Protein backbone atom coordinates (compact mmCIF):
# COMPACT_ATOMS: atom_id res chain seq x y z
CA MET A 1 79.59 153.22 -32.16
CA SER A 2 76.09 154.55 -32.80
CA PRO A 3 73.05 152.27 -32.72
CA ALA A 4 72.10 150.59 -35.96
CA ALA A 5 69.28 152.09 -37.97
CA PRO A 6 66.00 150.19 -37.61
CA ALA A 7 65.69 147.15 -39.83
CA THR A 8 63.56 147.75 -42.88
CA SER A 9 63.26 144.29 -44.39
CA THR A 10 62.87 140.69 -43.32
CA VAL A 11 65.91 138.50 -42.83
CA ILE A 12 65.57 135.09 -44.46
CA ALA A 13 67.48 132.05 -43.20
CA SER A 14 70.11 130.16 -45.07
CA VAL A 15 69.09 126.63 -46.01
CA THR A 16 70.51 124.16 -43.49
CA VAL A 17 68.19 121.15 -43.66
CA PRO A 18 70.02 118.40 -45.59
CA GLY A 19 68.52 117.74 -49.02
CA GLU A 20 66.48 120.97 -49.08
CA THR A 21 66.89 124.07 -51.24
CA THR A 22 64.16 126.32 -49.83
CA PRO A 23 64.49 128.46 -46.68
CA ARG A 24 62.08 127.63 -43.84
CA VAL A 25 62.32 130.61 -41.47
CA GLU A 26 62.58 134.41 -41.47
CA PHE A 27 62.69 137.31 -38.97
CA THR A 28 60.47 140.39 -39.36
CA PRO A 29 62.14 143.81 -39.17
CA ALA A 30 60.69 144.29 -35.67
CA ALA A 31 62.20 140.96 -34.54
CA VAL A 32 65.56 141.95 -36.04
CA ASP A 33 65.53 145.22 -34.08
CA VAL A 34 64.90 143.41 -30.77
CA LEU A 35 67.52 140.78 -31.62
CA ARG A 36 70.14 143.45 -32.33
CA GLU A 37 69.44 144.99 -28.91
CA LEU A 38 69.68 141.59 -27.25
CA GLN A 39 72.91 140.79 -29.09
CA THR A 40 74.44 144.03 -27.84
CA GLN A 41 73.58 143.01 -24.28
CA PHE A 42 74.17 139.24 -24.36
CA GLY A 43 76.45 138.53 -27.33
CA PRO A 44 75.70 135.93 -30.02
CA LEU A 45 72.17 134.49 -29.92
CA MET A 46 70.25 131.35 -30.86
CA PHE A 47 66.60 130.26 -31.01
CA HIS A 48 64.97 126.99 -30.13
CA GLN A 49 61.41 126.05 -31.06
CA SER A 50 59.87 123.07 -29.31
CA GLY A 51 56.38 121.72 -29.13
CA GLY A 52 56.30 121.45 -25.36
CA CYS A 53 53.76 122.64 -22.85
CA CYS A 54 53.19 126.15 -21.54
CA ASP A 55 55.29 128.53 -23.62
CA GLY A 56 56.92 125.56 -25.35
CA SER A 57 55.19 126.49 -28.58
CA SER A 58 56.82 129.94 -28.49
CA PRO A 59 60.26 130.48 -30.01
CA MET A 60 62.83 130.86 -27.24
CA CYS A 61 65.86 133.13 -27.59
CA PHE A 62 69.04 132.27 -25.66
CA PRO A 63 72.69 133.29 -25.68
CA ALA A 64 74.33 131.08 -28.32
CA GLY A 65 75.26 127.72 -26.85
CA GLU A 66 73.29 128.19 -23.63
CA PHE A 67 70.51 125.87 -24.80
CA ILE A 68 72.09 122.49 -25.46
CA THR A 69 70.84 120.93 -28.68
CA SER A 70 71.01 117.23 -29.48
CA ASP A 71 70.61 114.90 -32.42
CA ARG A 72 66.85 115.20 -31.76
CA ASP A 73 66.98 118.85 -32.88
CA VAL A 74 67.04 120.18 -36.44
CA LEU A 75 68.97 123.30 -37.46
CA LEU A 76 66.18 124.98 -39.42
CA GLY A 77 68.31 127.91 -40.60
CA VAL A 78 70.92 130.52 -39.81
CA LEU A 79 69.87 134.17 -40.06
CA ASP A 80 72.28 137.11 -40.26
CA ILE A 81 70.91 140.08 -38.28
CA ALA A 82 73.90 142.37 -38.98
CA PRO A 83 73.20 145.79 -40.48
CA ALA A 84 74.52 146.29 -44.02
CA ASP A 85 78.30 146.71 -44.21
CA GLU A 86 78.91 145.16 -40.78
CA ALA A 87 80.43 141.84 -39.78
CA PRO A 88 78.00 138.90 -39.86
CA GLN A 89 75.88 138.34 -36.75
CA PRO A 90 74.49 134.83 -37.27
CA VAL A 91 71.56 133.55 -35.23
CA GLU A 92 70.92 129.80 -35.40
CA PHE A 93 67.29 128.69 -35.36
CA TRP A 94 66.77 125.18 -33.99
CA ILE A 95 63.57 123.14 -33.77
CA SER A 96 62.89 119.86 -32.00
CA ALA A 97 62.71 116.92 -34.40
CA GLU A 98 59.19 116.14 -33.23
CA GLN A 99 58.01 119.71 -33.92
CA PHE A 100 59.87 119.73 -37.26
CA GLU A 101 57.97 116.63 -38.30
CA TYR A 102 54.67 118.21 -37.25
CA TRP A 103 55.45 121.48 -39.07
CA SER A 104 57.19 119.86 -42.05
CA HIS A 105 55.14 121.83 -44.61
CA THR A 106 55.30 125.14 -42.75
CA PHE A 107 57.32 128.32 -43.34
CA LEU A 108 57.94 130.16 -40.06
CA THR A 109 58.08 133.92 -39.58
CA VAL A 110 59.46 135.07 -36.23
CA ASP A 111 57.80 138.32 -35.17
CA VAL A 112 57.72 140.32 -31.94
CA VAL A 113 54.65 141.70 -30.20
CA PRO A 114 53.93 143.53 -26.93
CA GLY A 115 53.36 141.24 -23.98
CA ARG A 116 55.26 138.97 -21.69
CA GLY A 117 56.42 135.61 -22.95
CA SER A 118 58.42 132.92 -21.25
CA GLY A 119 60.69 133.87 -18.40
CA PHE A 120 63.49 131.84 -20.00
CA SER A 121 63.60 133.74 -23.30
CA LEU A 122 65.90 136.78 -23.34
CA GLU A 123 63.26 139.27 -24.54
CA ALA A 124 60.86 138.58 -21.63
CA PRO A 125 62.01 141.44 -19.33
CA ARG A 126 61.55 143.95 -22.19
CA GLY A 127 57.75 143.67 -22.24
CA VAL A 128 57.73 141.98 -25.65
CA ARG A 129 57.66 138.39 -26.82
CA PHE A 130 58.67 136.54 -29.93
CA LEU A 131 55.97 134.57 -31.69
CA ILE A 132 55.64 132.40 -34.76
CA ARG A 133 53.47 133.29 -37.71
CA SER A 134 53.22 130.43 -40.14
CA ARG A 135 52.08 129.65 -43.64
CA LEU A 136 52.20 126.60 -45.87
CA MET A 137 55.37 126.35 -47.88
CA GLU A 138 54.90 126.79 -51.60
CA SER A 139 57.70 124.41 -52.54
CA PHE A 140 59.72 121.71 -50.87
CA GLY A 141 63.16 120.32 -51.36
């Protein structure tokens, strides 16, 4: 199987927050490319965004199920990073309830930039890190 062609467009999450109809998170093409590489190496993936100290404000990528979520976490969306015409490759994006409350009017874009992020996030050894770019949401509900 040959490597997938580079992603050329953003991937927007499905709506998973009860009572809402507007997506809240997306991945840039660069983030999708890194995630596809990580998925090849580690299998299914997930993200968790907390508001903790240190790198706690950075989105953290883990093998799916390795970070244990609780009822104090909100599933912000599910994003399919699969290339066209391939089986779905869903990536869940979780956020702590406290951070969700703080960012309740914010649309999140997950991007990737050169640099070293948290040692716990899967991309760290690659010399890149995921980061959040945000903007106010235009509509709610």
